[in-house]
Amino acid sequence: MAKGKGDQGGDRRAGRALTPQREAVLRVVNEAEEHLTANEIFEAARRLLPSISFATVYNSLKYLREAGFLREI
């Protein structure tokens, strides 16, 4: 996933705030110096939020892409 452009202060869809899980995934992607696989994002997100599951990471990536925070390459 590539970093998106634009405001990262909140969710662009319906004005909702990002969940802690989505924030962790977005933080991992934004702080990465290279492109990461979903598994690499999961491993890094678990260091920030130990209870996060792989399914949550995968669904968060999909959501963040659809909301315009990330773009798939």
C-alpha atoms as a PDB file:
ATOM      1  CA  MET A   1       0.000   0.000   0.000  1.00  0.00           C
ATOM      2  CA  ALA A   2       1.162   3.471  -0.765  1.00  0.00           C
ATOM      3  CA  LYS A   3       0.649   6.471   1.429  1.00  0.00           C
ATOM      4  CA  GLY A   4      -2.293   8.622   0.499  1.00  0.00           C
ATOM      5  CA  LYS A   5      -2.329  12.364   0.149  1.00  0.00           C
ATOM      6  CA  GLY A   6      -4.505  14.587   2.229  1.00  0.00           C
ATOM      7  CA  ASP A   7      -5.670  15.133   5.757  1.00  0.00           C
ATOM      8  CA  GLN A   8      -5.054  12.284   8.141  1.00  0.00           C
ATOM      9  CA  GLY A   9      -6.743  13.926  11.100  1.00  0.00           C
ATOM     10  CA  GLY A  10      -9.963  11.995  10.728  1.00  0.00           C
ATOM     11  CA  ASP A  11     -12.115   9.809   8.584  1.00  0.00           C
ATOM     12  CA  ARG A  12     -13.330  11.381   5.353  1.00  0.00           C
ATOM     13  CA  ARG A  13     -16.442   9.197   5.248  1.00  0.00           C
ATOM     14  CA  ALA A  14     -19.379  10.558   7.217  1.00  0.00           C
ATOM     15  CA  GLY A  15     -17.052  12.516   9.519  1.00  0.00           C
ATOM     16  CA  ARG A  16     -16.347   9.513  11.740  1.00  0.00           C
ATOM     17  CA  ALA A  17     -13.068   9.238  13.646  1.00  0.00           C
ATOM     18  CA  LEU A  18     -10.735   6.405  12.769  1.00  0.00           C
ATOM     19  CA  THR A  19     -10.794   3.449  15.139  1.00  0.00           C
ATOM     20  CA  PRO A  20      -7.641   2.716  17.153  1.00  0.00           C
ATOM     21  CA  GLN A  21      -7.055  -0.314  14.924  1.00  0.00           C
ATOM     22  CA  ARG A  22      -7.272   1.726  11.721  1.00  0.00           C
ATOM     23  CA  GLU A  23      -5.063   4.405  13.234  1.00  0.00           C
ATOM     24  CA  ALA A  24      -2.439   1.770  14.092  1.00  0.00           C
ATOM     25  CA  VAL A  25      -2.495   0.359  10.560  1.00  0.00           C
ATOM     26  CA  LEU A  26      -2.282   3.839   9.035  1.00  0.00           C
ATOM     27  CA  ARG A  27       0.587   4.757  11.366  1.00  0.00           C
ATOM     28  CA  VAL A  28       2.535   1.638  10.373  1.00  0.00           C
ATOM     29  CA  VAL A  29       2.096   2.363   6.669  1.00  0.00           C
ATOM     30  CA  ASN A  30       2.938   6.054   7.014  1.00  0.00           C
ATOM     31  CA  GLU A  31       6.085   5.371   9.041  1.00  0.00           C
ATOM     32  CA  ALA A  32       7.370   2.649   6.712  1.00  0.00           C
ATOM     33  CA  GLU A  33      10.295   3.534   4.505  1.00  0.00           C
ATOM     34  CA  GLU A  34       9.330   0.900   1.956  1.00  0.00           C
ATOM     35  CA  HIS A  35       6.212  -0.870   0.731  1.00  0.00           C
ATOM     36  CA  LEU A  36       4.999  -3.498   3.174  1.00  0.00           C
ATOM     37  CA  THR A  37       2.985  -6.650   2.722  1.00  0.00           C
ATOM     38  CA  ALA A  38      -0.218  -7.123   4.709  1.00  0.00           C
ATOM     39  CA  ASN A  39       1.638  -9.595   6.934  1.00  0.00           C
ATOM     40  CA  GLU A  40       4.432  -7.088   7.617  1.00  0.00           C
ATOM     41  CA  ILE A  41       1.836  -4.440   8.466  1.00  0.00           C
ATOM     42  CA  PHE A  42       0.138  -6.930  10.790  1.00  0.00           C
ATOM     43  CA  GLU A  43       3.384  -7.710  12.608  1.00  0.00           C
ATOM     44  CA  ALA A  44       4.185  -4.015  13.089  1.00  0.00           C
ATOM     45  CA  ALA A  45       0.610  -3.142  14.110  1.00  0.00           C
ATOM     46  CA  ARG A  46       0.676  -5.878  16.771  1.00  0.00           C
ATOM     47  CA  ARG A  47       3.614  -4.106  18.394  1.00  0.00           C
ATOM     48  CA  LEU A  48       1.403  -1.014  18.688  1.00  0.00           C
ATOM     49  CA  LEU A  49      -1.835  -2.824  19.473  1.00  0.00           C
ATOM     50  CA  PRO A  50      -1.220  -6.409  20.648  1.00  0.00           C
ATOM     51  CA  SER A  51      -4.875  -7.434  20.394  1.00  0.00           C
ATOM     52  CA  ILE A  52      -5.205  -6.607  16.684  1.00  0.00           C
ATOM     53  CA  SER A  53      -5.952  -9.553  14.395  1.00  0.00           C
ATOM     54  CA  PHE A  54      -4.790 -10.201  10.850  1.00  0.00           C
ATOM     55  CA  ALA A  55      -8.395  -9.961   9.638  1.00  0.00           C
ATOM     56  CA  THR A  56      -8.708  -6.531  11.246  1.00  0.00           C
ATOM     57  CA  VAL A  57      -5.505  -5.362   9.564  1.00  0.00           C
ATOM     58  CA  TYR A  58      -6.681  -6.676   6.213  1.00  0.00           C
ATOM     59  CA  ASN A  59     -10.115  -5.060   6.589  1.00  0.00           C
ATOM     60  CA  SER A  60      -8.512  -1.817   7.794  1.00  0.00           C
ATOM     61  CA  LEU A  61      -6.307  -1.692   4.723  1.00  0.00           C
ATOM     62  CA  LYS A  62      -9.373  -2.112   2.522  1.00  0.00           C
ATOM     63  CA  TYR A  63     -11.254   0.578   4.426  1.00  0.00           C
ATOM     64  CA  LEU A  64      -8.322   3.025   4.390  1.00  0.00           C
ATOM     65  CA  ARG A  65      -7.922   2.517   0.639  1.00  0.00           C
ATOM     66  CA  GLU A  66     -11.623   3.066  -0.026  1.00  0.00           C
ATOM     67  CA  ALA A  67     -11.652   6.156   2.245  1.00  0.00           C
ATOM     68  CA  GLY A  68      -8.721   7.661   0.346  1.00  0.00           C
ATOM     69  CA  PHE A  69      -6.065   7.380   3.054  1.00  0.00           C
ATOM     70  CA  LEU A  70      -4.057   4.821   1.092  1.00  0.00           C
ATOM     71  CA  ARG A  71      -3.738   3.731  -2.503  1.00  0.00           C
ATOM     72  CA  GLU A  72      -2.955   0.255  -3.703  1.00  0.00           C
ATOM     73  CA  ILE A  73       0.044  -0.197  -5.971  1.00  0.00           C
END
